[in-house]
Amino acid sequence: MLVVMQSHATDEQVRSVCDKIESLGLKAHPIPGAGRTAIGITGNNGAVDLGILESLPGVVECIPVTKPYKLVSLDVKSDPTIVRIPTPSGDVLVGGEHLAMTAGPCAVETEEQCLASPSN
């Protein structure tokens, strides 16, 4: 589930909603955004009573999320994640429109085996 906070919700209201979520035995994941904060909820095996959370101060709406991988979906965070990996040749970007491919041995058992692999 995703709890969407009002654009003017205070930090105290966000903390209060997170505390309520935790009191239900679930895990709260605050996701601050440019205009408002959303709170992702994980750990629920079934439906959560939306009325309990929707009635809390600062909450705009609760959106059920039935997809797997809630925390990495674009429903939670609309901007794609881009990872910057520093290398001696310059930064490598992975994610969004930046595609990366890696290849190598299926398993590395020793340092010598790793160093013997071609590096280009």
N, C-alpha and C. Protein backbone atom coordinates (compact mmCIF):
# COMPACT_ATOMS: atom_id res chain seq x y z
N MET A 1 0.84 -1.17 0.00
CA MET A 1 0.00 0.00 0.00
C MET A 1 0.89 1.23 0.00
N LEU A 2 0.32 2.30 -0.52
CA LEU A 2 1.02 3.57 -0.57
C LEU A 2 0.13 4.62 0.08
N VAL A 3 0.66 5.30 1.07
CA VAL A 3 -0.07 6.38 1.74
C VAL A 3 0.47 7.69 1.18
N VAL A 4 -0.40 8.50 0.59
CA VAL A 4 0.00 9.78 0.02
C VAL A 4 -0.36 10.87 1.02
N MET A 5 0.63 11.66 1.39
CA MET A 5 0.43 12.74 2.35
C MET A 5 0.06 14.03 1.62
N GLN A 6 -0.58 14.94 2.33
CA GLN A 6 -0.89 16.26 1.78
C GLN A 6 0.41 17.00 1.50
N SER A 7 0.35 17.93 0.54
CA SER A 7 1.57 18.67 0.18
C SER A 7 2.09 19.51 1.35
N HIS A 8 1.23 19.90 2.26
CA HIS A 8 1.66 20.71 3.40
C HIS A 8 1.71 19.90 4.70
N ALA A 9 1.77 18.57 4.59
CA ALA A 9 1.85 17.73 5.78
C ALA A 9 3.15 18.00 6.53
N THR A 10 3.07 18.06 7.84
CA THR A 10 4.25 18.34 8.65
C THR A 10 5.06 17.07 8.88
N ASP A 11 6.31 17.25 9.28
CA ASP A 11 7.16 16.09 9.63
C ASP A 11 6.52 15.29 10.75
N GLU A 12 5.88 15.97 11.68
CA GLU A 12 5.22 15.30 12.81
C GLU A 12 4.07 14.43 12.32
N GLN A 13 3.30 14.91 11.33
CA GLN A 13 2.21 14.12 10.79
C GLN A 13 2.74 12.89 10.06
N VAL A 14 3.82 13.05 9.31
CA VAL A 14 4.42 11.91 8.61
C VAL A 14 4.91 10.88 9.63
N ARG A 15 5.58 11.35 10.69
CA ARG A 15 6.05 10.43 11.75
C ARG A 15 4.88 9.72 12.41
N SER A 16 3.79 10.44 12.64
CA SER A 16 2.62 9.85 13.28
C SER A 16 2.02 8.74 12.43
N VAL A 17 1.95 8.95 11.12
CA VAL A 17 1.43 7.92 10.22
C VAL A 17 2.38 6.71 10.21
N CYS A 18 3.68 6.98 10.17
CA CYS A 18 4.66 5.88 10.21
C CYS A 18 4.54 5.09 11.51
N ASP A 19 4.34 5.79 12.62
CA ASP A 19 4.18 5.11 13.92
C ASP A 19 2.94 4.23 13.91
N LYS A 20 1.84 4.73 13.33
CA LYS A 20 0.61 3.95 13.27
C LYS A 20 0.80 2.70 12.42
N ILE A 21 1.50 2.86 11.29
CA ILE A 21 1.78 1.72 10.41
C ILE A 21 2.60 0.67 11.16
N GLU A 22 3.64 1.13 11.88
CA GLU A 22 4.49 0.20 12.65
C GLU A 22 3.68 -0.48 13.75
N SER A 23 2.72 0.23 14.36
CA SER A 23 1.91 -0.36 15.43
C SER A 23 1.01 -1.47 14.90
N LEU A 24 0.76 -1.47 13.59
CA LEU A 24 -0.03 -2.53 12.97
C LEU A 24 0.83 -3.74 12.59
N GLY A 25 2.12 -3.69 12.93
CA GLY A 25 3.03 -4.79 12.62
C GLY A 25 3.57 -4.74 11.21
N LEU A 26 3.48 -3.58 10.57
CA LEU A 26 3.95 -3.41 9.20
C LEU A 26 5.19 -2.52 9.19
N LYS A 27 5.82 -2.39 8.05
CA LYS A 27 7.02 -1.57 7.91
C LYS A 27 6.68 -0.35 7.06
N ALA A 28 7.01 0.84 7.58
CA ALA A 28 6.77 2.10 6.88
C ALA A 28 8.04 2.56 6.18
N HIS A 29 7.90 3.03 4.94
CA HIS A 29 9.04 3.52 4.16
C HIS A 29 8.70 4.91 3.63
N PRO A 30 9.02 5.98 4.39
CA PRO A 30 8.73 7.33 3.91
C PRO A 30 9.54 7.64 2.64
N ILE A 31 8.87 8.26 1.68
CA ILE A 31 9.49 8.59 0.40
C ILE A 31 9.23 10.08 0.14
N PRO A 32 10.15 10.94 0.59
CA PRO A 32 9.94 12.37 0.37
C PRO A 32 10.04 12.71 -1.12
N GLY A 33 9.14 13.56 -1.56
CA GLY A 33 9.16 13.99 -2.96
C GLY A 33 9.25 15.50 -3.03
N ALA A 34 9.29 16.02 -4.24
CA ALA A 34 9.40 17.47 -4.42
C ALA A 34 8.16 18.18 -3.91
N GLY A 35 6.98 17.60 -4.13
CA GLY A 35 5.74 18.26 -3.74
C GLY A 35 5.08 17.69 -2.51
N ARG A 36 5.28 16.42 -2.26
CA ARG A 36 4.64 15.78 -1.11
C ARG A 36 5.39 14.51 -0.74
N THR A 37 5.07 13.98 0.39
CA THR A 37 5.69 12.74 0.86
C THR A 37 4.71 11.59 0.68
N ALA A 38 5.21 10.46 0.26
CA ALA A 38 4.42 9.24 0.22
C ALA A 38 5.07 8.27 1.21
N ILE A 39 4.30 7.33 1.69
CA ILE A 39 4.81 6.32 2.61
C ILE A 39 4.45 4.95 2.05
N GLY A 40 5.47 4.19 1.67
CA GLY A 40 5.25 2.83 1.20
C GLY A 40 5.10 1.91 2.40
N ILE A 41 4.26 0.91 2.27
CA ILE A 41 4.04 -0.06 3.35
C ILE A 41 4.39 -1.44 2.85
N THR A 42 5.23 -2.15 3.59
CA THR A 42 5.53 -3.53 3.27
C THR A 42 5.25 -4.39 4.50
N GLY A 43 5.16 -5.67 4.26
CA GLY A 43 4.96 -6.61 5.36
C GLY A 43 3.53 -7.08 5.51
N ASN A 44 2.62 -6.54 4.70
CA ASN A 44 1.24 -6.97 4.80
C ASN A 44 1.01 -8.19 3.91
N ASN A 45 0.40 -9.21 4.48
CA ASN A 45 0.08 -10.41 3.72
C ASN A 45 -1.33 -10.38 3.18
N GLY A 46 -2.11 -9.44 3.65
CA GLY A 46 -3.49 -9.31 3.20
C GLY A 46 -3.86 -7.85 3.14
N ALA A 47 -5.15 -7.59 3.08
CA ALA A 47 -5.63 -6.22 3.00
C ALA A 47 -5.43 -5.50 4.34
N VAL A 48 -5.15 -4.21 4.24
CA VAL A 48 -5.03 -3.35 5.41
C VAL A 48 -6.26 -2.46 5.44
N ASP A 49 -6.82 -2.22 6.62
CA ASP A 49 -7.98 -1.35 6.75
C ASP A 49 -7.59 0.08 6.39
N LEU A 50 -8.02 0.53 5.22
CA LEU A 50 -7.65 1.85 4.74
C LEU A 50 -8.20 2.96 5.62
N GLY A 51 -9.35 2.75 6.22
CA GLY A 51 -9.97 3.78 7.05
C GLY A 51 -9.11 4.20 8.22
N ILE A 52 -8.36 3.26 8.77
CA ILE A 52 -7.48 3.56 9.91
C ILE A 52 -6.45 4.61 9.52
N LEU A 53 -5.87 4.48 8.33
CA LEU A 53 -4.81 5.39 7.89
C LEU A 53 -5.36 6.64 7.22
N GLU A 54 -6.45 6.51 6.45
CA GLU A 54 -7.00 7.66 5.75
C GLU A 54 -7.55 8.72 6.69
N SER A 55 -7.90 8.32 7.89
CA SER A 55 -8.46 9.29 8.84
C SER A 55 -7.39 10.06 9.61
N LEU A 56 -6.11 9.69 9.43
CA LEU A 56 -5.04 10.38 10.16
C LEU A 56 -4.76 11.75 9.55
N PRO A 57 -4.40 12.73 10.41
CA PRO A 57 -4.11 14.07 9.91
C PRO A 57 -2.96 14.07 8.89
N GLY A 58 -3.15 14.79 7.80
CA GLY A 58 -2.10 14.93 6.78
C GLY A 58 -2.21 13.93 5.65
N VAL A 59 -3.08 12.91 5.77
CA VAL A 59 -3.20 11.87 4.74
C VAL A 59 -4.21 12.31 3.68
N VAL A 60 -3.81 12.24 2.40
CA VAL A 60 -4.72 12.54 1.29
C VAL A 60 -5.46 11.28 0.87
N GLU A 61 -4.70 10.21 0.63
CA GLU A 61 -5.33 8.96 0.19
C GLU A 61 -4.40 7.78 0.44
N CYS A 62 -5.01 6.61 0.43
CA CYS A 62 -4.26 5.36 0.52
C CYS A 62 -4.53 4.58 -0.76
N ILE A 63 -3.45 4.12 -1.38
CA ILE A 63 -3.56 3.42 -2.65
C ILE A 63 -3.09 1.98 -2.46
N PRO A 64 -3.98 1.02 -2.65
CA PRO A 64 -3.52 -0.38 -2.57
C PRO A 64 -2.54 -0.67 -3.69
N VAL A 65 -1.48 -1.38 -3.37
CA VAL A 65 -0.48 -1.77 -4.36
C VAL A 65 -0.43 -3.30 -4.34
N THR A 66 -0.84 -3.89 -5.43
CA THR A 66 -0.89 -5.35 -5.47
C THR A 66 0.27 -5.94 -6.25
N LYS A 67 1.12 -5.07 -6.80
CA LYS A 67 2.25 -5.54 -7.58
C LYS A 67 3.39 -5.98 -6.67
N PRO A 68 4.19 -6.95 -7.11
CA PRO A 68 5.39 -7.28 -6.35
C PRO A 68 6.42 -6.17 -6.50
N TYR A 69 7.42 -6.18 -5.69
CA TYR A 69 8.53 -5.22 -5.74
C TYR A 69 8.02 -3.79 -5.58
N LYS A 70 7.21 -3.58 -4.55
CA LYS A 70 6.59 -2.28 -4.31
C LYS A 70 7.59 -1.14 -4.23
N LEU A 71 8.68 -1.37 -3.52
CA LEU A 71 9.61 -0.27 -3.26
C LEU A 71 10.42 0.15 -4.47
N VAL A 72 10.48 -0.67 -5.51
CA VAL A 72 11.24 -0.30 -6.70
C VAL A 72 10.33 0.04 -7.88
N SER A 73 9.03 0.03 -7.65
CA SER A 73 8.12 0.34 -8.75
C SER A 73 8.05 1.84 -8.97
N LEU A 74 7.65 2.24 -10.16
CA LEU A 74 7.49 3.66 -10.46
C LEU A 74 6.26 4.25 -9.78
N ASP A 75 5.41 3.40 -9.16
CA ASP A 75 4.29 3.92 -8.39
C ASP A 75 4.78 4.62 -7.14
N VAL A 76 5.87 4.15 -6.59
CA VAL A 76 6.40 4.72 -5.35
C VAL A 76 7.27 5.93 -5.64
N LYS A 77 8.11 5.84 -6.65
CA LYS A 77 9.04 6.91 -6.99
C LYS A 77 9.00 7.07 -8.50
N SER A 78 8.52 8.20 -8.97
CA SER A 78 8.28 8.35 -10.41
C SER A 78 9.56 8.52 -11.22
N ASP A 79 10.63 8.99 -10.61
CA ASP A 79 11.89 9.16 -11.34
C ASP A 79 12.67 7.86 -11.35
N PRO A 80 13.24 7.45 -12.50
CA PRO A 80 14.03 6.22 -12.52
C PRO A 80 15.32 6.39 -11.70
N THR A 81 15.76 5.32 -11.10
CA THR A 81 17.00 5.33 -10.34
C THR A 81 18.17 5.22 -11.30
N ILE A 82 19.15 6.09 -11.12
CA ILE A 82 20.37 6.03 -11.92
C ILE A 82 21.54 5.91 -10.95
N VAL A 83 22.31 4.85 -11.11
CA VAL A 83 23.46 4.59 -10.25
C VAL A 83 24.71 5.09 -10.97
N ARG A 84 25.52 5.86 -10.26
CA ARG A 84 26.77 6.40 -10.81
C ARG A 84 27.93 5.60 -10.22
N ILE A 85 28.68 4.93 -11.10
CA ILE A 85 29.80 4.11 -10.66
C ILE A 85 31.10 4.79 -11.11
N PRO A 86 31.90 5.27 -10.14
CA PRO A 86 33.16 5.93 -10.54
C PRO A 86 34.18 4.90 -11.03
N THR A 87 34.85 5.22 -12.14
CA THR A 87 35.91 4.38 -12.69
C THR A 87 37.08 5.28 -13.07
N PRO A 88 38.25 4.73 -13.27
CA PRO A 88 39.39 5.56 -13.70
C PRO A 88 39.14 6.27 -15.03
N SER A 89 38.26 5.72 -15.87
CA SER A 89 37.97 6.32 -17.17
C SER A 89 36.82 7.32 -17.11
N GLY A 90 36.26 7.53 -15.95
CA GLY A 90 35.10 8.40 -15.80
C GLY A 90 33.93 7.63 -15.23
N ASP A 91 32.90 8.35 -14.85
CA ASP A 91 31.74 7.70 -14.24
C ASP A 91 30.96 6.88 -15.26
N VAL A 92 30.45 5.74 -14.81
CA VAL A 92 29.56 4.91 -15.60
C VAL A 92 28.18 5.05 -14.99
N LEU A 93 27.18 5.37 -15.82
CA LEU A 93 25.81 5.50 -15.36
C LEU A 93 25.03 4.25 -15.72
N VAL A 94 24.25 3.75 -14.77
CA VAL A 94 23.43 2.57 -14.97
C VAL A 94 22.02 2.90 -14.50
N GLY A 95 21.04 2.64 -15.34
CA GLY A 95 19.65 2.89 -14.98
C GLY A 95 19.04 3.95 -15.85
N GLY A 96 17.71 4.05 -15.79
CA GLY A 96 17.03 5.00 -16.66
C GLY A 96 17.26 4.63 -18.11
N GLU A 97 17.78 5.55 -18.89
CA GLU A 97 18.08 5.29 -20.30
C GLU A 97 19.48 4.72 -20.49
N HIS A 98 20.24 4.56 -19.42
CA HIS A 98 21.63 4.09 -19.49
C HIS A 98 21.66 2.58 -19.28
N LEU A 99 21.95 1.87 -20.33
CA LEU A 99 22.01 0.41 -20.29
C LEU A 99 23.44 -0.02 -20.01
N ALA A 100 23.61 -1.00 -19.18
CA ALA A 100 24.94 -1.53 -18.90
C ALA A 100 24.93 -3.04 -19.05
N MET A 101 26.05 -3.57 -19.47
CA MET A 101 26.18 -5.01 -19.61
C MET A 101 27.48 -5.41 -18.94
N THR A 102 27.41 -6.45 -18.17
CA THR A 102 28.62 -6.97 -17.55
C THR A 102 28.76 -8.44 -17.91
N ALA A 103 29.98 -8.90 -17.92
CA ALA A 103 30.23 -10.30 -18.22
C ALA A 103 31.47 -10.73 -17.46
N GLY A 104 31.57 -11.97 -17.22
CA GLY A 104 32.74 -12.48 -16.52
C GLY A 104 32.56 -13.93 -16.17
N PRO A 105 33.46 -14.44 -15.38
CA PRO A 105 33.33 -15.85 -14.97
C PRO A 105 32.06 -16.05 -14.15
N CYS A 106 31.49 -17.21 -14.27
CA CYS A 106 30.28 -17.51 -13.51
C CYS A 106 30.56 -17.55 -12.01
N ALA A 107 31.75 -17.96 -11.65
CA ALA A 107 32.10 -18.03 -10.23
C ALA A 107 33.58 -17.73 -10.09
N VAL A 108 33.89 -16.99 -9.06
CA VAL A 108 35.29 -16.71 -8.77
C VAL A 108 35.58 -17.34 -7.42
N GLU A 109 36.55 -18.23 -7.42
CA GLU A 109 36.86 -18.96 -6.20
C GLU A 109 38.10 -18.43 -5.51
N THR A 110 39.01 -17.83 -6.28
CA THR A 110 40.25 -17.33 -5.68
C THR A 110 40.60 -15.97 -6.28
N GLU A 111 41.46 -15.22 -5.61
CA GLU A 111 41.93 -13.93 -6.12
C GLU A 111 42.72 -14.13 -7.41
N GLU A 112 43.53 -15.19 -7.47
CA GLU A 112 44.32 -15.47 -8.66
C GLU A 112 43.40 -15.71 -9.86
N GLN A 113 42.34 -16.41 -9.66
CA GLN A 113 41.40 -16.68 -10.74
C GLN A 113 40.77 -15.38 -11.24
N CYS A 114 40.45 -14.49 -10.32
CA CYS A 114 39.87 -13.20 -10.69
C CYS A 114 40.87 -12.36 -11.46
N LEU A 115 42.13 -12.32 -11.02
CA LEU A 115 43.15 -11.53 -11.68
C LEU A 115 43.52 -12.10 -13.05
N ALA A 116 43.32 -13.38 -13.27
CA ALA A 116 43.64 -14.00 -14.54
C ALA A 116 42.58 -13.70 -15.60
N SER A 117 41.41 -13.21 -15.21
CA SER A 117 40.34 -12.90 -16.16
C SER A 117 40.73 -11.69 -16.98
N PRO A 118 40.40 -11.70 -18.28
CA PRO A 118 40.71 -10.52 -19.12
C PRO A 118 39.97 -9.30 -18.57
N SER A 119 40.62 -8.14 -18.61
CA SER A 119 40.03 -6.94 -18.00
C SER A 119 39.47 -5.97 -19.03
N ASN A 120 39.41 -6.32 -20.28
CA ASN A 120 38.87 -5.38 -21.27
C ASN A 120 37.61 -5.88 -21.78
